[in-house]
Protein backbone atom coordinates (compact mmCIF):
# COMPACT_ATOMS: atom_id res chain seq x y z
CA MET A 1 147.95 -143.93 -135.68
CA ARG A 2 147.91 -147.16 -137.64
CA ILE A 3 145.56 -150.00 -136.73
CA ASN A 4 146.56 -153.64 -137.08
CA SER A 5 143.45 -155.78 -136.80
CA ASN A 6 141.83 -158.99 -137.95
CA TYR A 7 138.51 -157.21 -138.52
CA LYS A 8 137.45 -153.97 -140.19
CA ASP A 9 135.48 -151.12 -138.68
CA TYR A 10 133.90 -147.98 -140.04
CA TYR A 11 136.64 -145.52 -139.00
CA ASP A 12 139.59 -147.58 -140.29
CA HIS A 13 139.70 -145.81 -143.68
CA LEU A 14 140.99 -142.64 -142.02
CA GLN A 15 144.40 -144.29 -141.66
CA LYS A 16 145.06 -143.37 -145.28
CA TYR A 17 145.73 -139.82 -144.09
CA VAL A 18 148.55 -140.98 -141.79
CA TYR A 19 152.04 -140.36 -143.22
CA GLY A 20 155.50 -141.18 -141.99
CA ASN A 21 156.25 -142.74 -138.64
CA SER A 22 153.22 -143.29 -136.45
CA THR A 23 152.20 -145.30 -133.43
CA SER A 24 150.42 -148.60 -134.02
CA TRP A 25 147.51 -150.21 -132.24
CA ASN A 26 147.03 -153.98 -132.37
CA ARG A 27 143.26 -154.06 -132.15
CA ALA A 28 141.72 -157.38 -131.17
CA TRP A 29 138.73 -158.47 -129.13
CA CYS A 30 139.77 -159.95 -125.79
CA ASN A 31 137.97 -161.05 -122.65
CA PHE A 32 137.94 -158.63 -119.73
CA SER A 33 141.12 -159.02 -117.70
CA ALA A 34 139.29 -158.65 -114.37
CA ASN A 35 135.77 -158.62 -113.00
CA THR A 36 133.95 -155.30 -112.93
CA ASP A 37 130.59 -154.16 -111.64
CA ILE A 38 129.50 -153.08 -115.10
CA CYS A 39 126.91 -155.45 -116.53
CA ALA A 40 124.04 -155.69 -118.98
CA GLY A 41 121.38 -158.32 -119.40
CA GLU A 42 117.86 -159.34 -120.14
CA VAL A 43 115.07 -156.88 -119.50
CA ASP A 44 111.49 -157.80 -118.61
CA ARG A 45 110.55 -158.72 -122.18
CA LYS A 46 111.47 -162.05 -123.71
CA MET A 47 114.54 -161.80 -125.96
CA TRP A 48 115.13 -158.11 -125.23
CA TYR A 49 118.66 -157.45 -124.01
CA HIS A 50 120.28 -154.32 -122.65
CA ALA A 51 123.85 -153.78 -123.85
CA ILE A 52 126.63 -151.21 -123.37
CA ILE A 53 129.37 -149.94 -125.63
CA GLY A 54 132.26 -148.27 -123.86
CA PHE A 55 133.99 -145.85 -126.18
CA CYS A 56 136.83 -143.55 -125.16
CA GLY A 57 135.62 -142.69 -121.68
CA SER A 58 131.85 -142.76 -122.25
CA LEU A 59 129.27 -145.51 -121.74
CA TYR A 60 126.53 -145.82 -124.35
CA GLY A 61 123.46 -147.86 -123.40
CA PHE A 62 121.26 -149.45 -126.07
CA LEU A 63 118.81 -152.30 -126.57
CA ARG A 64 119.15 -155.47 -128.63
CA VAL A 65 116.00 -157.26 -129.78
CA ALA A 66 116.48 -160.90 -130.74
CA ARG A 67 114.49 -162.75 -133.36
CA GLU A 68 114.60 -166.39 -134.36
CA ILE A 69 114.49 -167.15 -138.05
CA LYS A 70 114.35 -170.54 -139.73
CA GLU A 71 116.51 -171.37 -142.71
CA THR A 72 116.96 -174.49 -144.80
CA ILE A 73 120.46 -175.93 -144.95
CA LYS A 74 121.94 -179.01 -146.60
CA VAL A 75 123.27 -181.72 -144.29
CA ASP A 76 124.60 -184.87 -145.97
CA GLY A 77 122.60 -184.00 -149.05
CA LYS A 78 119.34 -183.60 -147.13
CA ASP A 79 117.39 -180.46 -146.30
CA ARG A 80 117.39 -179.56 -142.63
CA ILE A 81 115.65 -176.69 -140.86
CA ASN A 82 118.09 -174.61 -138.88
CA THR A 83 116.99 -171.99 -136.33
CA LYS A 84 119.18 -168.89 -136.19
CA THR A 85 119.01 -165.96 -133.77
CA ILE A 86 119.56 -162.48 -135.18
CA TYR A 87 119.72 -159.20 -133.29
CA GLU A 88 118.42 -155.76 -134.22
CA ASN A 89 119.91 -152.83 -132.32
CA ALA A 90 117.94 -149.78 -131.17
CA TRP A 91 119.79 -146.68 -130.00
CA SER A 92 116.81 -144.63 -128.81
CA ILE A 93 113.26 -145.15 -127.62
CA ASP A 94 112.04 -143.82 -130.97
CA GLU A 95 114.09 -146.42 -132.86
CA LEU A 96 112.74 -149.14 -130.58
CA VAL A 97 109.15 -148.05 -131.17
CA ASP A 98 109.70 -147.96 -134.94
CA LEU A 99 111.49 -151.29 -134.96
CA LEU A 100 108.79 -153.18 -133.11
CA SER A 101 105.72 -151.33 -134.38
CA ASN A 102 106.68 -151.77 -138.02
CA LYS A 103 107.01 -155.51 -137.52
CA SER A 104 103.81 -155.75 -135.44
CA PHE A 105 105.79 -157.15 -132.53
CA TYR A 106 104.52 -154.91 -129.83
CA TYR A 107 102.34 -151.91 -129.03
CA PHE A 108 103.93 -149.23 -126.84
CA SER A 109 101.98 -147.40 -124.20
CA LYS A 110 103.18 -144.16 -122.63
CA ASP A 111 104.16 -146.10 -119.49
CA ASP A 112 106.28 -148.44 -121.61
CA ILE A 113 108.07 -145.52 -123.21
CA ARG A 114 108.87 -143.99 -119.83
CA LYS A 115 110.14 -147.33 -118.52
CA TYR A 116 112.35 -148.34 -121.44
CA GLN A 117 113.82 -144.99 -122.35
CA ASN A 118 116.10 -145.29 -119.30
CA LEU A 119 117.99 -148.02 -121.18
CA PHE A 120 119.33 -145.43 -123.63
CA TYR A 121 121.98 -143.14 -122.18
CA VAL A 122 125.46 -141.67 -122.48
CA LYS A 123 127.52 -141.52 -119.27
CA LYS A 124 131.08 -140.34 -118.72
CA ASP A 125 133.17 -142.80 -116.70
CA ASP A 126 136.86 -143.60 -117.25
CA SER A 127 137.17 -146.32 -114.60
CA VAL A 128 136.52 -149.46 -116.69
CA PHE A 129 138.66 -148.18 -119.56
CA ILE A 130 141.58 -147.62 -117.21
CA GLN A 131 141.09 -150.98 -115.50
CA GLN A 132 141.02 -152.87 -118.83
CA ASN A 133 143.62 -150.56 -120.42
CA SER A 134 141.33 -150.33 -123.44
CA PRO A 135 139.67 -147.50 -125.40
CA ILE A 136 136.78 -149.74 -126.48
CA PHE A 137 134.67 -152.40 -124.81
CA VAL A 138 131.29 -154.07 -125.33
CA VAL A 139 129.13 -155.62 -122.63
CA THR A 140 126.19 -157.79 -123.68
CA HIS A 141 123.95 -160.20 -121.80
CA ASN A 142 126.45 -163.03 -122.25
CA GLN A 143 129.86 -161.51 -122.98
CA LYS A 144 132.32 -158.81 -121.90
CA VAL A 145 134.97 -157.97 -124.48
CA CYS A 146 137.45 -155.15 -125.00
CA CYS A 147 140.32 -154.09 -127.27
CA PRO A 148 143.20 -153.54 -124.84
CA LEU A 149 146.45 -151.82 -125.75
CA ASN A 150 148.25 -155.12 -125.08
CA PRO A 151 145.88 -157.83 -126.32
CA THR A 152 146.44 -161.24 -124.71
CA ASP A 153 143.27 -163.18 -123.92
CA HIS A 154 141.80 -163.23 -127.44
CA THR A 155 138.22 -164.33 -127.85
CA GLN A 156 135.60 -164.83 -130.53
CA PHE A 157 133.34 -161.80 -130.96
CA GLU A 158 131.57 -161.59 -134.28
CA TYR A 159 130.70 -157.90 -134.27
CA SER A 160 132.38 -154.63 -135.13
CA LEU A 161 131.07 -151.31 -133.84
CA LYS A 162 129.52 -150.76 -137.26
CA ASP A 163 127.65 -154.07 -136.94
CA LEU A 164 126.17 -152.70 -133.70
CA ARG A 165 125.24 -149.47 -135.56
CA PHE A 166 127.52 -147.35 -133.41
CA ASP A 167 128.44 -145.37 -136.53
CA THR A 168 124.99 -143.74 -136.26
CA ILE A 169 126.00 -142.38 -132.83
CA VAL A 170 129.64 -141.31 -133.39
CA ASP A 171 130.73 -140.62 -136.97
CA ASP A 172 133.96 -141.94 -138.47
CA LYS A 173 136.07 -138.80 -138.14
CA GLU A 174 135.08 -138.20 -134.53
CA ALA A 175 135.57 -141.89 -133.68
CA TYR A 176 139.10 -142.04 -135.11
CA SER A 177 140.11 -138.78 -133.44
CA LYS A 178 138.72 -139.90 -130.08
CA ILE A 179 140.54 -143.24 -130.28
CA VAL A 180 143.90 -141.60 -131.04
CA ASP A 181 143.49 -139.15 -128.15
CA TYR A 182 142.23 -141.78 -125.71
CA ILE A 183 145.01 -144.24 -126.48
CA ASN A 184 147.47 -141.43 -125.73
CA PHE A 185 145.57 -140.77 -122.49
CA LEU A 186 145.74 -144.44 -121.45
CA GLY A 187 149.34 -144.87 -122.53
CA MET A 188 150.78 -141.67 -121.13
CA GLU A 189 148.86 -141.52 -117.86
CA HIS A 190 148.00 -145.11 -117.01
CA LYS A 191 150.36 -147.42 -118.84
CA PHE A 192 153.89 -146.10 -118.72
CA ILE A 193 154.05 -145.05 -115.07
CA PRO A 194 157.49 -146.26 -113.92
CA GLN A 195 157.64 -148.58 -110.94
CA MET A 196 160.03 -147.48 -108.18
CA SER A 197 162.74 -149.89 -107.10
CA ASN A 198 163.32 -150.64 -103.41
CA ASP A 199 166.42 -148.41 -103.44
CA GLN A 200 164.41 -145.53 -104.92
CA LYS A 201 161.67 -145.97 -102.32
CA ILE A 202 164.24 -145.95 -99.50
CA ASP A 203 165.93 -142.85 -100.93
CA SER A 204 162.60 -141.03 -101.40
CA HIS A 205 161.91 -141.38 -97.68
CA GLY A 206 165.26 -139.85 -96.74
CA PHE A 207 167.03 -143.10 -95.80
CA ASP A 208 170.03 -144.90 -97.25
CA LYS A 209 171.25 -148.48 -97.14
CA LYS A 210 173.07 -147.90 -93.85
CA SER A 211 169.87 -146.73 -92.12
CA PHE A 212 168.63 -150.29 -91.69
CA ARG A 213 171.91 -151.82 -90.55
CA LYS A 214 172.95 -152.30 -86.94
């Protein structure tokens, strides 16, 4: 499979092993085509956000911790202080503890660990992938985006899966293999199902055109 995309991700380099004719995937971030029940949002700590990556039939829950940093920029030749929000992504309770403890942000009690570890999970569920006709999606506190097989409603999303550190969860070879297989699954089973014409529906029920005439 060849990937046509306006951004790069960590598994893209495996295309170099594809020879001859191959299917192509036009990968682009798009808004969800319909509302779903899946959601992620702020937890009970300021600037902590639960997020979900949907990848080839599985949902991966993780936590994003926001920090505000100040930087000096030039505006009309003058120095201005600009406040920028950056996110650090934790994929396990241990990573979260290390992230915050090392920066003296927060002290974790045993109760905290029990409470927040439920944010990190892997669940199998094909429903959203089939609904969006997409092997990949990301749900954050303020955005729902996916990479559908037929991209239409393009949107701005500044991250790749590598930016979200998903490469630490699924390595490049496994990711590429899963995407190829899952695109075949979506295309073969949920995309190219032929629609029956009225004549075919009538014939399938044992009638013909004369059956409905007086």
